[in-house]
């Protein structure tokens, strides 16, 4: 399982957990039970480029996906070269079932990210916060009972649109909404990990919890 949270960094979570009363029990529990890399660097500060790196293991100078000017429907859109294998293609060749659930248009299959996946869903229209991410994620993970399974999840994380949280004690409504959005992301993390434990496969699973490019959107 690769669980990627958009626009959240380790420093951001650690700082806010100390300064604010953030409830991040899912992320913190996983951190305490795992190996943590708190100085990791992304290959790019943009979603499309970091997505290509995550899906191929290649740096920006090799996959060359950095064009943000073209719509994903444009016939001139730069996509992954056929000579580069995605993690889905590699694992499928080794008899894994591969499933992907991603958020935002820069994770659309148009870029070539869906190659090798048995099912690849991208949510990039309407209100992203209303999609049943947990339900769909669990349905993908359940396949691991029957056969070796790889699941890629790229979820909203701390990316706008933010979830408002009204508190008269807060002077910064945007900051408050951002922190509330992180808490929502943590609830998703906790639900997914609890389900894997219920299936009895947690200790035999290889799980990566990452961010695509880090950084706090409210600081931009």
N, C-alpha and C. Protein backbone atom coordinates (compact mmCIF):
# COMPACT_ATOMS: atom_id res chain seq x y z
N UNK A 1 0.84 -1.19 0.00
CA UNK A 1 0.00 0.00 0.00
C UNK A 1 0.87 1.24 0.00
N UNK A 2 0.62 2.14 -0.95
CA UNK A 2 1.22 3.47 -0.93
C UNK A 2 0.07 4.45 -0.70
N UNK A 3 0.12 5.14 0.44
CA UNK A 3 -0.90 6.13 0.79
C UNK A 3 -0.25 7.50 0.77
N UNK A 4 -0.60 8.29 -0.23
CA UNK A 4 -0.02 9.62 -0.42
C UNK A 4 -1.04 10.69 -0.06
N UNK A 5 -0.61 11.66 0.75
CA UNK A 5 -1.47 12.76 1.16
C UNK A 5 -0.96 14.04 0.50
N UNK A 6 -1.82 14.70 -0.23
CA UNK A 6 -1.42 15.89 -0.98
C UNK A 6 -1.15 17.07 -0.05
N UNK A 7 -0.06 17.79 -0.34
CA UNK A 7 0.24 19.09 0.28
C UNK A 7 0.38 19.05 1.80
N UNK A 8 0.94 17.96 2.32
CA UNK A 8 1.25 17.88 3.76
C UNK A 8 2.72 17.51 3.89
N UNK A 9 3.41 18.17 4.81
CA UNK A 9 4.80 17.84 5.06
C UNK A 9 4.97 17.35 6.49
N UNK A 10 6.03 16.61 6.73
CA UNK A 10 6.32 16.11 8.08
C UNK A 10 6.53 17.28 9.04
N UNK A 11 7.26 18.28 8.60
CA UNK A 11 7.52 19.44 9.45
C UNK A 11 6.22 20.14 9.82
N UNK A 12 5.34 20.24 8.86
CA UNK A 12 4.07 20.91 9.09
C UNK A 12 3.25 20.19 10.15
N UNK A 13 3.17 18.88 10.05
CA UNK A 13 2.41 18.09 11.01
C UNK A 13 3.05 18.17 12.39
N UNK A 14 4.36 18.02 12.45
CA UNK A 14 5.06 18.05 13.73
C UNK A 14 4.90 19.41 14.41
N UNK A 15 5.02 20.48 13.64
CA UNK A 15 4.90 21.83 14.19
C UNK A 15 3.49 22.09 14.71
N UNK A 16 2.50 21.75 13.87
CA UNK A 16 1.12 22.01 14.27
C UNK A 16 0.66 21.13 15.41
N UNK A 17 1.19 19.91 15.49
CA UNK A 17 0.80 19.03 16.59
C UNK A 17 1.30 19.59 17.91
N UNK A 18 2.42 20.32 17.87
CA UNK A 18 2.99 20.90 19.08
C UNK A 18 2.29 22.19 19.45
N UNK A 19 2.04 23.04 18.47
CA UNK A 19 1.50 24.37 18.74
C UNK A 19 -0.02 24.41 18.82
N UNK A 20 -0.68 23.48 18.15
CA UNK A 20 -2.14 23.47 18.13
C UNK A 20 -2.63 22.11 18.62
N UNK A 21 -3.86 22.08 19.05
CA UNK A 21 -4.45 20.85 19.56
C UNK A 21 -4.97 20.00 18.41
N UNK A 22 -4.05 19.50 17.61
CA UNK A 22 -4.42 18.67 16.47
C UNK A 22 -4.57 17.22 16.91
N UNK A 23 -5.59 16.58 16.42
CA UNK A 23 -5.82 15.16 16.73
C UNK A 23 -5.38 14.34 15.54
N UNK A 24 -4.15 13.86 15.60
CA UNK A 24 -3.56 13.10 14.49
C UNK A 24 -3.18 11.70 14.97
N UNK A 25 -4.11 11.04 15.60
CA UNK A 25 -3.78 9.74 16.22
C UNK A 25 -3.42 8.68 15.18
N UNK A 26 -4.04 8.73 14.00
CA UNK A 26 -3.73 7.73 12.98
C UNK A 26 -2.32 7.86 12.45
N UNK A 27 -1.95 9.07 12.07
CA UNK A 27 -0.61 9.32 11.53
C UNK A 27 0.45 9.10 12.60
N UNK A 28 0.20 9.59 13.82
CA UNK A 28 1.18 9.47 14.89
C UNK A 28 1.39 8.01 15.30
N UNK A 29 0.33 7.24 15.35
CA UNK A 29 0.46 5.81 15.69
C UNK A 29 1.30 5.09 14.66
N UNK A 30 1.03 5.38 13.39
CA UNK A 30 1.80 4.73 12.33
C UNK A 30 3.27 5.16 12.39
N UNK A 31 3.51 6.44 12.68
CA UNK A 31 4.88 6.93 12.79
C UNK A 31 5.63 6.21 13.91
N UNK A 32 4.98 6.02 15.03
CA UNK A 32 5.63 5.38 16.18
C UNK A 32 5.93 3.91 15.93
N UNK A 33 5.18 3.29 15.04
CA UNK A 33 5.37 1.86 14.76
C UNK A 33 6.25 1.60 13.55
N UNK A 34 6.71 2.66 12.91
CA UNK A 34 7.37 2.50 11.62
C UNK A 34 8.72 3.21 11.59
N UNK A 35 9.38 3.09 10.45
CA UNK A 35 10.60 3.86 10.19
C UNK A 35 10.18 5.18 9.57
N UNK A 36 10.64 6.29 10.16
CA UNK A 36 10.22 7.61 9.71
C UNK A 36 11.39 8.36 9.10
N UNK A 37 11.15 8.94 7.92
CA UNK A 37 12.16 9.75 7.24
C UNK A 37 11.68 11.20 7.26
N UNK A 38 12.13 11.95 8.27
CA UNK A 38 11.62 13.31 8.44
C UNK A 38 12.45 14.36 7.70
N UNK A 39 13.41 13.92 6.91
CA UNK A 39 14.16 14.86 6.08
C UNK A 39 14.08 14.50 4.61
N UNK A 40 13.07 13.76 4.26
CA UNK A 40 12.89 13.34 2.87
C UNK A 40 12.57 14.55 1.99
N UNK A 41 13.01 14.50 0.75
CA UNK A 41 12.79 15.60 -0.20
C UNK A 41 12.04 15.08 -1.42
N UNK A 42 11.11 15.87 -1.91
CA UNK A 42 10.41 15.52 -3.13
C UNK A 42 11.24 15.94 -4.34
N UNK A 43 11.00 15.26 -5.45
CA UNK A 43 11.73 15.60 -6.68
C UNK A 43 11.16 16.86 -7.32
N UNK A 44 9.99 17.31 -6.85
CA UNK A 44 9.35 18.49 -7.45
C UNK A 44 8.42 19.13 -6.44
N UNK A 45 8.13 20.41 -6.63
CA UNK A 45 7.18 21.11 -5.77
C UNK A 45 5.78 21.15 -6.38
N UNK A 46 5.59 20.46 -7.51
CA UNK A 46 4.31 20.46 -8.20
C UNK A 46 3.74 19.04 -8.27
N UNK A 47 2.42 18.94 -8.24
CA UNK A 47 1.75 17.65 -8.17
C UNK A 47 2.05 16.75 -9.36
N UNK A 48 1.91 17.26 -10.58
CA UNK A 48 2.09 16.41 -11.77
C UNK A 48 3.47 15.79 -11.82
N UNK A 49 4.50 16.59 -11.50
CA UNK A 49 5.87 16.11 -11.57
C UNK A 49 6.17 15.10 -10.47
N UNK A 50 5.71 15.39 -9.25
CA UNK A 50 5.96 14.47 -8.14
C UNK A 50 5.16 13.18 -8.32
N UNK A 51 3.98 13.28 -8.94
CA UNK A 51 3.18 12.09 -9.22
C UNK A 51 3.93 11.17 -10.18
N UNK A 52 4.52 11.75 -11.21
CA UNK A 52 5.28 10.95 -12.18
C UNK A 52 6.47 10.27 -11.52
N UNK A 53 7.11 10.97 -10.60
CA UNK A 53 8.25 10.38 -9.88
C UNK A 53 7.80 9.23 -8.99
N UNK A 54 6.68 9.41 -8.31
CA UNK A 54 6.18 8.37 -7.42
C UNK A 54 5.75 7.13 -8.19
N UNK A 55 5.16 7.32 -9.35
CA UNK A 55 4.62 6.21 -10.12
C UNK A 55 5.70 5.46 -10.90
N UNK A 56 6.85 6.15 -11.16
CA UNK A 56 7.92 5.52 -11.95
C UNK A 56 9.23 5.32 -11.18
N UNK A 57 9.44 6.08 -10.10
CA UNK A 57 10.71 6.03 -9.39
C UNK A 57 11.78 6.87 -10.06
N UNK A 58 11.40 7.69 -11.05
CA UNK A 58 12.34 8.50 -11.79
C UNK A 58 12.30 9.95 -11.34
N UNK A 59 13.42 10.65 -11.47
CA UNK A 59 13.47 12.06 -11.16
C UNK A 59 12.91 12.90 -12.30
N UNK A 60 12.72 14.18 -12.02
CA UNK A 60 12.13 15.10 -12.99
C UNK A 60 12.92 15.15 -14.29
N UNK A 61 14.25 15.10 -14.21
CA UNK A 61 15.08 15.21 -15.41
C UNK A 61 14.95 14.01 -16.33
N UNK A 62 14.35 12.91 -15.84
CA UNK A 62 14.19 11.72 -16.66
C UNK A 62 12.78 11.55 -17.21
N UNK A 63 11.77 11.77 -16.36
CA UNK A 63 10.41 11.61 -16.89
C UNK A 63 9.90 12.89 -17.57
N UNK A 64 10.46 14.05 -17.22
CA UNK A 64 10.20 15.32 -17.91
C UNK A 64 8.73 15.75 -17.91
N UNK A 65 7.97 15.37 -16.90
CA UNK A 65 6.59 15.83 -16.79
C UNK A 65 6.55 17.05 -15.87
N UNK A 66 6.54 18.21 -16.49
CA UNK A 66 6.54 19.44 -15.71
C UNK A 66 5.68 20.53 -16.37
N UNK A 67 4.93 20.18 -17.40
CA UNK A 67 4.14 21.15 -18.15
C UNK A 67 2.77 21.35 -17.50
N UNK A 68 2.51 22.55 -17.01
CA UNK A 68 1.23 22.86 -16.38
C UNK A 68 0.36 23.75 -17.27
N UNK A 69 0.79 24.04 -18.48
CA UNK A 69 0.07 24.97 -19.34
C UNK A 69 -1.05 24.31 -20.15
N UNK A 70 -0.94 23.00 -20.37
CA UNK A 70 -1.90 22.32 -21.24
C UNK A 70 -2.96 21.58 -20.44
N UNK A 71 -4.19 21.63 -20.94
CA UNK A 71 -5.27 20.86 -20.36
C UNK A 71 -5.03 19.38 -20.61
N UNK A 72 -5.53 18.53 -19.73
CA UNK A 72 -5.28 17.09 -19.88
C UNK A 72 -5.94 16.52 -21.13
N UNK A 73 -6.86 17.27 -21.74
CA UNK A 73 -7.50 16.81 -22.98
C UNK A 73 -6.72 17.25 -24.22
N UNK A 74 -5.69 18.06 -24.04
CA UNK A 74 -4.94 18.59 -25.18
C UNK A 74 -4.12 17.48 -25.84
N UNK A 75 -4.17 17.42 -27.17
CA UNK A 75 -3.45 16.36 -27.89
C UNK A 75 -1.94 16.51 -27.78
N UNK A 76 -1.47 17.68 -27.36
CA UNK A 76 -0.03 17.90 -27.21
C UNK A 76 0.45 17.70 -25.76
N UNK A 77 -0.44 17.20 -24.91
CA UNK A 77 -0.08 16.99 -23.51
C UNK A 77 1.11 16.03 -23.40
N UNK A 78 2.09 16.41 -22.60
CA UNK A 78 3.25 15.54 -22.39
C UNK A 78 2.86 14.43 -21.41
N UNK A 79 3.14 13.20 -21.81
CA UNK A 79 2.79 12.04 -20.99
C UNK A 79 4.02 11.18 -20.76
N UNK A 80 3.88 10.17 -19.91
CA UNK A 80 5.00 9.27 -19.64
C UNK A 80 5.41 8.53 -20.91
N UNK A 81 6.69 8.46 -21.13
CA UNK A 81 7.20 7.70 -22.27
C UNK A 81 6.90 6.22 -22.09
N UNK A 82 6.59 5.54 -23.18
CA UNK A 82 6.30 4.11 -23.13
C UNK A 82 7.50 3.29 -22.68
N UNK A 83 8.69 3.87 -22.77
CA UNK A 83 9.88 3.12 -22.36
C UNK A 83 10.04 3.05 -20.85
N UNK A 84 9.26 3.86 -20.13
CA UNK A 84 9.31 3.85 -18.67
C UNK A 84 8.16 3.04 -18.11
N UNK A 85 8.47 2.12 -17.22
CA UNK A 85 7.47 1.28 -16.60
C UNK A 85 6.93 1.94 -15.33
N UNK A 86 5.62 1.84 -15.13
CA UNK A 86 5.03 2.32 -13.89
C UNK A 86 5.10 1.20 -12.85
N UNK A 87 4.90 1.58 -11.59
CA UNK A 87 4.91 0.57 -10.53
C UNK A 87 3.78 -0.44 -10.75
N UNK A 88 2.68 0.01 -11.36
CA UNK A 88 1.60 -0.90 -11.68
C UNK A 88 2.02 -1.96 -12.68
N UNK A 89 2.74 -1.55 -13.71
CA UNK A 89 3.19 -2.50 -14.73
C UNK A 89 4.19 -3.50 -14.15
N UNK A 90 5.09 -3.01 -13.33
CA UNK A 90 6.11 -3.88 -12.74
C UNK A 90 5.48 -4.93 -11.83
N UNK A 91 4.56 -4.49 -10.97
CA UNK A 91 3.95 -5.42 -10.02
C UNK A 91 2.96 -6.36 -10.71
N UNK A 92 2.28 -5.87 -11.72
CA UNK A 92 1.35 -6.74 -12.45
C UNK A 92 2.10 -7.86 -13.16
N UNK A 93 3.29 -7.54 -13.65
CA UNK A 93 4.12 -8.57 -14.28
C UNK A 93 4.56 -9.62 -13.27
N UNK A 94 4.49 -9.27 -11.99
CA UNK A 94 4.84 -10.22 -10.93
C UNK A 94 3.58 -10.76 -10.24
N UNK A 95 2.48 -10.77 -11.00
CA UNK A 95 1.22 -11.40 -10.61
C UNK A 95 0.51 -10.71 -9.45
N UNK A 96 0.68 -9.39 -9.33
CA UNK A 96 -0.08 -8.61 -8.37
C UNK A 96 -1.32 -8.05 -9.03
N UNK A 97 -2.40 -7.94 -8.26
CA UNK A 97 -3.54 -7.14 -8.67
C UNK A 97 -3.27 -5.70 -8.25
N UNK A 98 -3.50 -4.75 -9.15
CA UNK A 98 -3.11 -3.36 -8.88
C UNK A 98 -4.34 -2.43 -8.98
N UNK A 99 -4.50 -1.60 -7.95
CA UNK A 99 -5.64 -0.70 -7.89
C UNK A 99 -5.17 0.69 -7.50
N UNK A 100 -5.75 1.70 -8.13
CA UNK A 100 -5.38 3.08 -7.84
C UNK A 100 -6.59 3.97 -7.63
N UNK A 101 -6.51 4.83 -6.61
CA UNK A 101 -7.55 5.83 -6.35
C UNK A 101 -6.84 7.15 -6.07
N UNK A 102 -7.05 8.14 -6.93
CA UNK A 102 -6.30 9.39 -6.83
C UNK A 102 -7.22 10.60 -6.89
N UNK A 103 -6.73 11.72 -6.34
CA UNK A 103 -7.47 12.99 -6.34
C UNK A 103 -6.76 14.02 -7.20
N UNK A 104 -7.51 14.91 -7.80
CA UNK A 104 -7.04 16.06 -8.56
C UNK A 104 -6.60 15.72 -9.98
N UNK A 105 -6.72 16.71 -10.86
CA UNK A 105 -6.56 16.49 -12.30
C UNK A 105 -5.14 16.10 -12.69
N UNK A 106 -4.15 16.48 -11.90
CA UNK A 106 -2.77 16.16 -12.26
C UNK A 106 -2.41 14.71 -11.97
N UNK A 107 -3.38 13.96 -11.45
CA UNK A 107 -3.22 12.51 -11.30
C UNK A 107 -4.11 11.76 -12.29
N UNK A 108 -4.63 12.45 -13.27
CA UNK A 108 -5.50 11.79 -14.25
C UNK A 108 -4.73 10.73 -15.04
N UNK A 109 -5.43 9.70 -15.49
CA UNK A 109 -4.77 8.65 -16.28
C UNK A 109 -4.23 9.14 -17.61
N UNK A 110 -4.64 10.34 -18.05
CA UNK A 110 -4.17 10.89 -19.31
C UNK A 110 -2.64 10.95 -19.37
N UNK A 111 -2.00 11.12 -18.21
CA UNK A 111 -0.54 11.24 -18.17
C UNK A 111 0.16 9.88 -18.31
N UNK A 112 -0.58 8.81 -18.24
CA UNK A 112 0.01 7.48 -18.34
C UNK A 112 0.18 6.78 -17.01
N UNK A 113 -0.34 7.38 -15.93
CA UNK A 113 -0.16 6.81 -14.60
C UNK A 113 -0.91 5.50 -14.40
N UNK A 114 -1.97 5.29 -15.16
CA UNK A 114 -2.83 4.12 -14.95
C UNK A 114 -2.30 2.84 -15.60
N UNK A 115 -1.20 2.94 -16.31
CA UNK A 115 -0.66 1.75 -17.00
C UNK A 115 -0.35 0.64 -15.99
N UNK A 116 -0.88 -0.54 -16.25
CA UNK A 116 -0.62 -1.69 -15.39
C UNK A 116 -1.64 -1.90 -14.30
N UNK A 117 -2.55 -0.94 -14.10
CA UNK A 117 -3.54 -1.06 -13.03
C UNK A 117 -4.79 -1.79 -13.53
N UNK A 118 -5.31 -2.69 -12.72
CA UNK A 118 -6.56 -3.37 -13.04
C UNK A 118 -7.72 -2.40 -12.95
N UNK A 119 -7.64 -1.47 -12.00
CA UNK A 119 -8.64 -0.42 -11.86
C UNK A 119 -7.94 0.83 -11.37
N UNK A 120 -8.23 1.97 -12.03
CA UNK A 120 -7.60 3.23 -11.67
C UNK A 120 -8.67 4.32 -11.72
N UNK A 121 -8.98 4.89 -10.57
CA UNK A 121 -10.02 5.91 -10.46
C UNK A 121 -9.39 7.25 -10.10
N UNK A 122 -9.77 8.29 -10.83
CA UNK A 122 -9.30 9.63 -10.51
C UNK A 122 -10.50 10.53 -10.26
N UNK A 123 -10.46 11.23 -9.12
CA UNK A 123 -11.54 12.15 -8.75
C UNK A 123 -11.03 13.57 -8.94
N UNK A 124 -11.52 14.25 -9.96
CA UNK A 124 -10.99 15.59 -10.24
C UNK A 124 -12.06 16.57 -10.67
N UNK A 125 -13.33 16.22 -10.48
CA UNK A 125 -14.41 17.13 -10.81
C UNK A 125 -15.36 17.22 -9.62
N UNK A 126 -16.12 18.31 -9.55
CA UNK A 126 -17.06 18.47 -8.46
C UNK A 126 -16.34 18.71 -7.14
N UNK A 127 -17.02 18.44 -6.07
CA UNK A 127 -16.45 18.61 -4.73
C UNK A 127 -15.70 17.34 -4.34
N UNK A 128 -14.39 17.42 -4.37
CA UNK A 128 -13.57 16.24 -4.07
C UNK A 128 -13.83 15.69 -2.67
N UNK A 129 -14.27 16.54 -1.76
CA UNK A 129 -14.46 16.10 -0.38
C UNK A 129 -15.69 15.22 -0.19
N UNK A 130 -16.56 15.14 -1.18
CA UNK A 130 -17.77 14.33 -1.03
C UNK A 130 -17.60 12.91 -1.57
N UNK A 131 -16.50 12.62 -2.22
CA UNK A 131 -16.30 11.28 -2.78
C UNK A 131 -16.06 10.28 -1.63
N UNK A 132 -16.62 9.06 -1.72
CA UNK A 132 -16.44 8.06 -0.65
C UNK A 132 -15.06 7.37 -0.71
N UNK A 133 -14.02 8.14 -0.38
CA UNK A 133 -12.66 7.62 -0.49
C UNK A 133 -12.44 6.38 0.38
N UNK A 134 -12.90 6.44 1.61
CA UNK A 134 -12.66 5.33 2.53
C UNK A 134 -13.33 4.06 2.01
N UNK A 135 -14.59 4.16 1.62
CA UNK A 135 -15.32 2.99 1.13
C UNK A 135 -14.63 2.36 -0.08
N UNK A 136 -14.23 3.19 -1.04
CA UNK A 136 -13.57 2.65 -2.24
C UNK A 136 -12.19 2.10 -1.91
N UNK A 137 -11.45 2.77 -1.02
CA UNK A 137 -10.13 2.29 -0.63
C UNK A 137 -10.22 0.91 0.01
N UNK A 138 -11.19 0.73 0.90
CA UNK A 138 -11.34 -0.55 1.58
C UNK A 138 -11.73 -1.65 0.60
N UNK A 139 -12.54 -1.31 -0.40
CA UNK A 139 -12.92 -2.33 -1.38
C UNK A 139 -11.72 -2.79 -2.19
N UNK A 140 -10.79 -1.88 -2.47
CA UNK A 140 -9.55 -2.26 -3.16
C UNK A 140 -8.68 -3.13 -2.26
N UNK A 141 -8.52 -2.70 -1.03
CA UNK A 141 -7.64 -3.42 -0.09
C UNK A 141 -8.16 -4.83 0.18
N UNK A 142 -9.45 -5.01 0.16
CA UNK A 142 -10.05 -6.32 0.45
C UNK A 142 -9.59 -7.39 -0.53
N UNK A 143 -9.18 -6.98 -1.74
CA UNK A 143 -8.70 -7.94 -2.74
C UNK A 143 -7.47 -8.69 -2.27
N UNK A 144 -6.74 -8.11 -1.30
CA UNK A 144 -5.50 -8.73 -0.84
C UNK A 144 -5.74 -10.05 -0.13
N UNK A 145 -6.97 -10.31 0.26
CA UNK A 145 -7.29 -11.60 0.90
C UNK A 145 -7.16 -12.73 -0.12
N UNK A 146 -7.48 -12.43 -1.38
CA UNK A 146 -7.51 -13.46 -2.41
C UNK A 146 -6.17 -13.63 -3.13
N UNK A 147 -5.43 -12.54 -3.31
CA UNK A 147 -4.19 -12.60 -4.10
C UNK A 147 -3.29 -11.44 -3.73
N UNK A 148 -2.00 -11.52 -4.10
CA UNK A 148 -1.08 -10.40 -3.85
C UNK A 148 -1.64 -9.13 -4.48
N UNK A 149 -1.68 -8.06 -3.71
CA UNK A 149 -2.38 -6.84 -4.15
C UNK A 149 -1.54 -5.61 -3.85
N UNK A 150 -1.54 -4.69 -4.81
CA UNK A 150 -0.92 -3.37 -4.61
C UNK A 150 -2.01 -2.32 -4.74
N UNK A 151 -2.07 -1.41 -3.76
CA UNK A 151 -3.04 -0.33 -3.78
C UNK A 151 -2.32 1.00 -3.68
N UNK A 152 -2.58 1.88 -4.63
CA UNK A 152 -2.05 3.25 -4.62
C UNK A 152 -3.19 4.20 -4.30
N UNK A 153 -3.03 4.97 -3.22
CA UNK A 153 -4.02 5.96 -2.84
C UNK A 153 -3.35 7.33 -2.77
N UNK A 154 -3.84 8.26 -3.57
CA UNK A 154 -3.39 9.65 -3.43
C UNK A 154 -4.62 10.47 -3.07
N UNK A 155 -4.66 10.88 -1.80
CA UNK A 155 -5.86 11.53 -1.27
C UNK A 155 -5.62 13.01 -1.00
N UNK A 156 -6.69 13.72 -0.68
CA UNK A 156 -6.67 15.18 -0.63
C UNK A 156 -5.64 15.74 0.34
N UNK A 157 -5.47 15.11 1.49
CA UNK A 157 -4.48 15.60 2.46
C UNK A 157 -4.83 16.99 2.95
N UNK A 158 -3.89 17.92 2.78
CA UNK A 158 -4.11 19.31 3.21
C UNK A 158 -4.32 20.27 2.06
N UNK A 159 -4.67 19.73 0.90
CA UNK A 159 -4.82 20.56 -0.31
C UNK A 159 -6.19 21.23 -0.35
N UNK A 160 -6.27 22.48 -0.82
CA UNK A 160 -7.57 23.11 -1.05
C UNK A 160 -8.38 22.30 -2.06
N UNK A 161 -9.71 22.29 -2.01
CA UNK A 161 -10.54 23.14 -1.14
C UNK A 161 -10.49 22.69 0.31
N UNK A 162 -10.26 23.64 1.21
CA UNK A 162 -10.14 23.33 2.63
C UNK A 162 -11.52 23.18 3.26
N UNK A 163 -11.55 22.45 4.35
CA UNK A 163 -12.80 22.24 5.09
C UNK A 163 -12.91 23.29 6.19
N UNK A 164 -13.88 24.20 6.11
CA UNK A 164 -13.99 25.27 7.11
C UNK A 164 -14.24 24.72 8.51
N UNK A 165 -13.67 25.40 9.48
CA UNK A 165 -13.92 25.08 10.88
C UNK A 165 -14.06 26.41 11.62
N UNK A 166 -15.24 26.66 12.09
CA UNK A 166 -15.51 27.96 12.70
C UNK A 166 -15.30 27.89 14.21
N UNK A 167 -14.37 28.69 14.69
CA UNK A 167 -14.04 28.74 16.11
C UNK A 167 -13.75 30.19 16.45
N UNK A 168 -14.54 30.75 17.37
CA UNK A 168 -14.37 32.18 17.69
C UNK A 168 -13.03 32.48 18.33
N UNK A 169 -12.31 31.43 18.76
CA UNK A 169 -10.99 31.65 19.36
C UNK A 169 -9.90 31.76 18.31
N UNK A 170 -10.21 31.42 17.07
CA UNK A 170 -9.22 31.45 16.00
C UNK A 170 -9.24 32.80 15.30
N UNK A 171 -8.06 33.39 15.15
CA UNK A 171 -7.95 34.67 14.46
C UNK A 171 -7.75 34.50 12.96
N UNK A 172 -7.35 33.32 12.55
CA UNK A 172 -7.05 33.06 11.14
C UNK A 172 -7.96 31.94 10.65
N UNK A 173 -9.00 32.29 9.91
CA UNK A 173 -9.97 31.29 9.46
C UNK A 173 -9.36 30.32 8.45
N UNK A 174 -8.42 30.81 7.63
CA UNK A 174 -7.78 29.94 6.64
C UNK A 174 -6.90 28.91 7.32
N UNK A 175 -6.13 29.38 8.30
CA UNK A 175 -5.28 28.46 9.07
C UNK A 175 -6.14 27.42 9.77
N UNK A 176 -7.23 27.85 10.35
CA UNK A 176 -8.12 26.93 11.05
C UNK A 176 -8.69 25.89 10.10
N UNK A 177 -9.09 26.32 8.91
CA UNK A 177 -9.63 25.39 7.92
C UNK A 177 -8.57 24.40 7.46
N UNK A 178 -7.34 24.88 7.32
CA UNK A 178 -6.25 24.00 6.90
C UNK A 178 -6.00 22.91 7.94
N UNK A 179 -5.95 23.30 9.22
CA UNK A 179 -5.72 22.33 10.28
C UNK A 179 -6.87 21.34 10.38
N UNK A 180 -8.08 21.81 10.15
CA UNK A 180 -9.24 20.92 10.16
C UNK A 180 -9.16 19.92 9.02
N UNK A 181 -8.67 20.36 7.87
CA UNK A 181 -8.53 19.47 6.72
C UNK A 181 -7.50 18.38 7.00
N UNK A 182 -6.41 18.73 7.70
CA UNK A 182 -5.41 17.73 8.08
C UNK A 182 -6.02 16.70 9.02
N UNK A 183 -6.85 17.16 9.95
CA UNK A 183 -7.50 16.23 10.88
C UNK A 183 -8.42 15.27 10.12
N UNK A 184 -9.11 15.78 9.11
CA UNK A 184 -9.96 14.92 8.28
C UNK A 184 -9.11 13.86 7.55
N UNK A 185 -7.96 14.28 7.07
CA UNK A 185 -7.06 13.34 6.39
C UNK A 185 -6.59 12.26 7.36
N UNK A 186 -6.32 12.65 8.60
CA UNK A 186 -5.88 11.68 9.60
C UNK A 186 -6.97 10.66 9.90
N UNK A 187 -8.22 11.09 9.91
CA UNK A 187 -9.32 10.15 10.13
C UNK A 187 -9.38 9.10 9.03
N UNK A 188 -9.10 9.53 7.81
CA UNK A 188 -9.06 8.59 6.69
C UNK A 188 -7.93 7.59 6.86
N UNK A 189 -6.75 8.10 7.23
CA UNK A 189 -5.59 7.23 7.47
C UNK A 189 -5.92 6.20 8.54
N UNK A 190 -6.50 6.66 9.62
CA UNK A 190 -6.83 5.76 10.74
C UNK A 190 -7.82 4.69 10.32
N UNK A 191 -8.84 5.07 9.55
CA UNK A 191 -9.84 4.11 9.11
C UNK A 191 -9.23 3.03 8.21
N UNK A 192 -8.36 3.45 7.31
CA UNK A 192 -7.73 2.50 6.38
C UNK A 192 -6.82 1.53 7.13
N UNK A 193 -6.00 2.04 8.03
CA UNK A 193 -5.09 1.17 8.77
C UNK A 193 -5.85 0.23 9.71
N UNK A 194 -6.91 0.71 10.31
CA UNK A 194 -7.72 -0.15 11.19
C UNK A 194 -8.35 -1.29 10.40
N UNK A 195 -8.77 -1.00 9.18
CA UNK A 195 -9.37 -2.04 8.35
C UNK A 195 -8.33 -3.10 7.98
N UNK A 196 -7.12 -2.67 7.67
CA UNK A 196 -6.06 -3.64 7.35
C UNK A 196 -5.78 -4.53 8.55
N UNK A 197 -5.83 -3.95 9.74
CA UNK A 197 -5.65 -4.75 10.96
C UNK A 197 -6.79 -5.75 11.12
N UNK A 198 -8.02 -5.32 10.86
CA UNK A 198 -9.18 -6.20 10.98
C UNK A 198 -9.08 -7.39 10.02
N UNK A 199 -8.50 -7.16 8.85
CA UNK A 199 -8.32 -8.24 7.88
C UNK A 199 -7.24 -9.22 8.31
N UNK A 200 -6.43 -8.83 9.30
CA UNK A 200 -5.36 -9.69 9.79
C UNK A 200 -4.13 -9.70 8.90
N UNK A 201 -3.96 -8.65 8.08
CA UNK A 201 -2.83 -8.63 7.15
C UNK A 201 -1.89 -7.44 7.41
N UNK A 202 -2.13 -6.73 8.51
CA UNK A 202 -1.33 -5.52 8.77
C UNK A 202 0.15 -5.86 8.89
N UNK A 203 0.48 -6.88 9.67
CA UNK A 203 1.88 -7.21 9.94
C UNK A 203 2.58 -7.82 8.72
N UNK A 204 1.82 -8.29 7.76
CA UNK A 204 2.42 -8.88 6.56
C UNK A 204 2.36 -7.94 5.37
N UNK A 205 1.94 -6.70 5.62
CA UNK A 205 1.81 -5.71 4.54
C UNK A 205 2.99 -4.75 4.55
N UNK A 206 3.34 -4.28 3.37
CA UNK A 206 4.36 -3.23 3.22
C UNK A 206 3.61 -1.94 2.94
N UNK A 207 3.71 -0.98 3.88
CA UNK A 207 2.90 0.24 3.81
C UNK A 207 3.80 1.47 3.80
N UNK A 208 3.54 2.36 2.86
CA UNK A 208 4.27 3.63 2.77
C UNK A 208 3.26 4.77 2.93
N UNK A 209 3.50 5.64 3.89
CA UNK A 209 2.69 6.84 4.07
C UNK A 209 3.55 8.03 3.69
N UNK A 210 3.18 8.72 2.62
CA UNK A 210 4.02 9.77 2.07
C UNK A 210 3.18 11.00 1.71
N UNK A 211 3.87 12.08 1.38
CA UNK A 211 3.24 13.26 0.79
C UNK A 211 3.79 13.41 -0.62
N UNK A 212 3.03 14.05 -1.50
CA UNK A 212 3.51 14.15 -2.87
C UNK A 212 4.61 15.19 -3.02
N UNK A 213 4.42 16.37 -2.43
CA UNK A 213 5.47 17.39 -2.54
C UNK A 213 5.57 18.26 -1.30
N UNK A 214 4.76 17.94 -0.26
CA UNK A 214 4.84 18.71 0.97
C UNK A 214 4.43 20.16 0.76
N UNK A 215 4.71 20.98 1.74
CA UNK A 215 4.41 22.39 1.61
C UNK A 215 3.00 22.71 2.03
N UNK A 216 2.84 23.88 2.64
CA UNK A 216 1.54 24.30 3.11
C UNK A 216 0.92 25.27 2.10
N UNK A 217 -0.24 24.92 1.53
CA UNK A 217 -0.84 25.77 0.50
C UNK A 217 -1.20 27.15 1.00
N UNK A 218 -1.48 27.31 2.30
CA UNK A 218 -1.89 28.61 2.81
C UNK A 218 -0.71 29.58 2.88
N UNK A 219 0.50 29.06 2.71
CA UNK A 219 1.67 29.93 2.77
C UNK A 219 2.02 30.49 1.41
N UNK A 220 1.35 30.01 0.36
CA UNK A 220 1.66 30.43 -1.00
C UNK A 220 0.97 31.75 -1.33
